[in-house]
Amino acid sequence: MAAVIKAKWGTHPSFLNILSRKRTLFDTLAPLAPNNMAEGARVVPTKWINKGIEGSYWTVTGVSFTDGFRNGTATGIRTWKGKADKEAREIPDAIKLSWRLYTDPNEYAQLKKKL
């Protein structure tokens, strides 16, 4: 398969850059914005996932986009190792870190049992 890709697109195909590109918080939330689903979404920096920190994520309470959904400000409630903060605050490192939507492993296991 790699030989076919190399023959057709060369040694460094540009479409692979999309897969390895860092997704900012706003890149992650932008597809949810048209349906007003960004608020209430649970997001997690991939740094936390890579370190094995479980039960930790941000629940987005507000988001405002600028620069065509590429920048902005986001507020949320941090849940750290299962304990939620009492008040919402600005989500730090929204541009600096790579983010993804959070999936609770327990919910996934329950869904798997039902299927």
C-alpha atoms as a PDB file:
ATOM      1  CA  MET A   1       0.000   0.000   0.000  1.00  0.00           C
ATOM      2  CA  ALA A   2       2.813   2.392   0.881  1.00  0.00           C
ATOM      3  CA  ALA A   3       4.415   1.739  -2.510  1.00  0.00           C
ATOM      4  CA  VAL A   4       1.175   2.682  -4.274  1.00  0.00           C
ATOM      5  CA  ILE A   5       0.896   5.941  -2.317  1.00  0.00           C
ATOM      6  CA  LYS A   6       4.554   6.735  -2.947  1.00  0.00           C
ATOM      7  CA  ALA A   7       4.185   6.051  -6.683  1.00  0.00           C
ATOM      8  CA  LYS A   8       1.036   8.147  -7.015  1.00  0.00           C
ATOM      9  CA  TRP A   9       1.694  11.098  -4.647  1.00  0.00           C
ATOM     10  CA  GLY A  10       5.425  11.001  -3.849  1.00  0.00           C
ATOM     11  CA  THR A  11       7.293  10.417  -0.598  1.00  0.00           C
ATOM     12  CA  HIS A  12       5.535  13.156   1.415  1.00  0.00           C
ATOM     13  CA  PRO A  13       1.903  13.531   0.235  1.00  0.00           C
ATOM     14  CA  SER A  14       0.343  16.802   1.371  1.00  0.00           C
ATOM     15  CA  PHE A  15      -2.911  15.163   2.506  1.00  0.00           C
ATOM     16  CA  LEU A  16      -1.024  13.477   5.356  1.00  0.00           C
ATOM     17  CA  ASN A  17      -0.422  16.909   6.909  1.00  0.00           C
ATOM     18  CA  ILE A  18      -4.131  17.127   7.731  1.00  0.00           C
ATOM     19  CA  LEU A  19      -3.917  13.968   9.832  1.00  0.00           C
ATOM     20  CA  SER A  20      -0.928  15.110  11.862  1.00  0.00           C
ATOM     21  CA  ARG A  21      -2.027  18.737  12.228  1.00  0.00           C
ATOM     22  CA  LYS A  22      -2.684  20.051  15.713  1.00  0.00           C
ATOM     23  CA  ARG A  23      -6.388  20.760  16.320  1.00  0.00           C
ATOM     24  CA  THR A  24      -6.928  23.799  18.499  1.00  0.00           C
ATOM     25  CA  LEU A  25      -9.931  24.002  20.784  1.00  0.00           C
ATOM     26  CA  PHE A  26     -11.698  26.155  18.198  1.00  0.00           C
ATOM     27  CA  ASP A  27     -10.942  23.674  15.388  1.00  0.00           C
ATOM     28  CA  THR A  28     -12.545  20.995  17.558  1.00  0.00           C
ATOM     29  CA  LEU A  29     -15.643  23.054  18.461  1.00  0.00           C
ATOM     30  CA  ALA A  30     -16.225  24.731  15.071  1.00  0.00           C
ATOM     31  CA  PRO A  31     -18.194  21.824  13.511  1.00  0.00           C
ATOM     32  CA  LEU A  32     -20.564  21.897  16.505  1.00  0.00           C
ATOM     33  CA  ALA A  33     -21.193  25.659  16.375  1.00  0.00           C
ATOM     34  CA  PRO A  34     -23.819  25.867  13.571  1.00  0.00           C
ATOM     35  CA  ASN A  35     -26.230  23.696  15.595  1.00  0.00           C
ATOM     36  CA  ASN A  36     -25.425  25.426  18.919  1.00  0.00           C
ATOM     37  CA  MET A  37     -23.915  22.194  20.181  1.00  0.00           C
ATOM     38  CA  ALA A  38     -20.534  23.659  21.169  1.00  0.00           C
ATOM     39  CA  GLU A  39     -21.899  24.696  24.555  1.00  0.00           C
ATOM     40  CA  GLY A  40     -22.158  21.588  26.674  1.00  0.00           C
ATOM     41  CA  ALA A  41     -19.511  19.722  24.689  1.00  0.00           C
ATOM     42  CA  ARG A  42     -16.833  17.960  26.694  1.00  0.00           C
ATOM     43  CA  VAL A  43     -13.291  18.474  25.426  1.00  0.00           C
ATOM     44  CA  VAL A  44      -9.889  17.323  26.575  1.00  0.00           C
ATOM     45  CA  PRO A  45      -6.354  18.307  25.616  1.00  0.00           C
ATOM     46  CA  THR A  46      -4.551  15.375  24.026  1.00  0.00           C
ATOM     47  CA  LYS A  47      -1.698  16.090  26.434  1.00  0.00           C
ATOM     48  CA  TRP A  48      -3.902  14.809  29.292  1.00  0.00           C
ATOM     49  CA  ILE A  49      -4.797  11.682  27.318  1.00  0.00           C
ATOM     50  CA  ASN A  50      -1.151  10.956  26.513  1.00  0.00           C
ATOM     51  CA  LYS A  51      -0.214  11.304  30.195  1.00  0.00           C
ATOM     52  CA  GLY A  52      -2.977   8.848  31.166  1.00  0.00           C
ATOM     53  CA  ILE A  53      -4.955  11.344  33.260  1.00  0.00           C
ATOM     54  CA  GLU A  54      -8.411   9.766  33.494  1.00  0.00           C
ATOM     55  CA  GLY A  55     -11.723  11.440  34.307  1.00  0.00           C
ATOM     56  CA  SER A  56     -10.391  14.885  33.395  1.00  0.00           C
ATOM     57  CA  TYR A  57     -11.989  17.164  30.799  1.00  0.00           C
ATOM     58  CA  TRP A  58     -13.573  20.587  30.244  1.00  0.00           C
ATOM     59  CA  THR A  59     -17.326  21.089  29.808  1.00  0.00           C
ATOM     60  CA  VAL A  60     -17.765  24.108  27.544  1.00  0.00           C
ATOM     61  CA  THR A  61     -20.228  26.662  28.953  1.00  0.00           C
ATOM     62  CA  GLY A  62     -19.636  29.416  26.426  1.00  0.00           C
ATOM     63  CA  VAL A  63     -17.672  30.019  23.263  1.00  0.00           C
ATOM     64  CA  SER A  64     -17.274  32.976  20.937  1.00  0.00           C
ATOM     65  CA  PHE A  65     -15.439  32.543  17.659  1.00  0.00           C
ATOM     66  CA  THR A  66     -13.392  35.117  15.760  1.00  0.00           C
ATOM     67  CA  ASP A  67     -11.277  34.982  12.615  1.00  0.00           C
ATOM     68  CA  GLY A  68     -13.565  32.538  10.813  1.00  0.00           C
ATOM     69  CA  PHE A  69     -13.873  29.976  13.636  1.00  0.00           C
ATOM     70  CA  ARG A  70     -10.065  29.795  14.027  1.00  0.00           C
ATOM     71  CA  ASN A  71      -9.741  31.837  17.206  1.00  0.00           C
ATOM     72  CA  GLY A  72     -11.852  33.226  20.037  1.00  0.00           C
ATOM     73  CA  THR A  73     -12.545  32.693  23.708  1.00  0.00           C
ATOM     74  CA  ALA A  74     -14.072  29.733  25.474  1.00  0.00           C
ATOM     75  CA  THR A  75     -15.238  29.277  29.043  1.00  0.00           C
ATOM     76  CA  GLY A  76     -15.953  26.045  30.816  1.00  0.00           C
ATOM     77  CA  ILE A  77     -16.026  23.993  33.968  1.00  0.00           C
ATOM     78  CA  ARG A  78     -12.967  21.828  34.517  1.00  0.00           C
ATOM     79  CA  THR A  79     -13.432  18.304  35.802  1.00  0.00           C
ATOM     80  CA  TRP A  80     -10.136  17.017  37.175  1.00  0.00           C
ATOM     81  CA  LYS A  81      -9.910  13.322  38.037  1.00  0.00           C
ATOM     82  CA  GLY A  82     -13.672  13.136  38.525  1.00  0.00           C
ATOM     83  CA  LYS A  83     -14.113  16.308  40.610  1.00  0.00           C
ATOM     84  CA  ALA A  84     -15.745  19.310  38.919  1.00  0.00           C
ATOM     85  CA  ASP A  85     -14.832  22.912  39.726  1.00  0.00           C
ATOM     86  CA  LYS A  86     -17.633  25.037  41.156  1.00  0.00           C
ATOM     87  CA  GLU A  87     -17.376  27.944  38.700  1.00  0.00           C
ATOM     88  CA  ALA A  88     -16.764  28.324  35.000  1.00  0.00           C
ATOM     89  CA  ARG A  89     -13.592  30.046  33.879  1.00  0.00           C
ATOM     90  CA  GLU A  90     -11.730  30.721  30.658  1.00  0.00           C
ATOM     91  CA  ILE A  91     -10.269  27.557  29.189  1.00  0.00           C
ATOM     92  CA  PRO A  92      -6.479  28.011  29.069  1.00  0.00           C
ATOM     93  CA  ASP A  93      -4.207  27.049  26.173  1.00  0.00           C
ATOM     94  CA  ALA A  94      -7.092  26.902  23.688  1.00  0.00           C
ATOM     95  CA  ILE A  95      -4.745  27.688  20.803  1.00  0.00           C
ATOM     96  CA  LYS A  96      -1.513  26.292  22.215  1.00  0.00           C
ATOM     97  CA  LEU A  97      -2.576  22.681  22.889  1.00  0.00           C
ATOM     98  CA  SER A  98      -4.132  20.048  20.659  1.00  0.00           C
ATOM     99  CA  TRP A  99      -7.745  19.195  21.655  1.00  0.00           C
ATOM    100  CA  ARG A 100     -10.351  16.513  20.981  1.00  0.00           C
ATOM    101  CA  LEU A 101     -13.868  15.706  22.106  1.00  0.00           C
ATOM    102  CA  TYR A 102     -13.980  13.727  25.344  1.00  0.00           C
ATOM    103  CA  THR A 103     -15.559  10.295  25.421  1.00  0.00           C
ATOM    104  CA  ASP A 104     -16.186   8.813  28.850  1.00  0.00           C
ATOM    105  CA  PRO A 105     -14.768   5.271  28.919  1.00  0.00           C
ATOM    106  CA  ASN A 106     -17.619   4.115  31.194  1.00  0.00           C
ATOM    107  CA  GLU A 107     -20.268   5.322  28.741  1.00  0.00           C
ATOM    108  CA  TYR A 108     -18.422   3.569  25.931  1.00  0.00           C
ATOM    109  CA  ALA A 109     -18.308   0.305  27.917  1.00  0.00           C
ATOM    110  CA  GLN A 110     -22.046   0.511  28.695  1.00  0.00           C
ATOM    111  CA  LEU A 111     -22.861   1.129  25.041  1.00  0.00           C
ATOM    112  CA  LYS A 112     -20.682  -1.796  24.032  1.00  0.00           C
ATOM    113  CA  LYS A 113     -22.589  -4.076  26.443  1.00  0.00           C
ATOM    114  CA  LYS A 114     -25.929  -3.000  24.947  1.00  0.00           C
ATOM    115  CA  LEU A 115     -24.779  -3.842  21.445  1.00  0.00           C
END
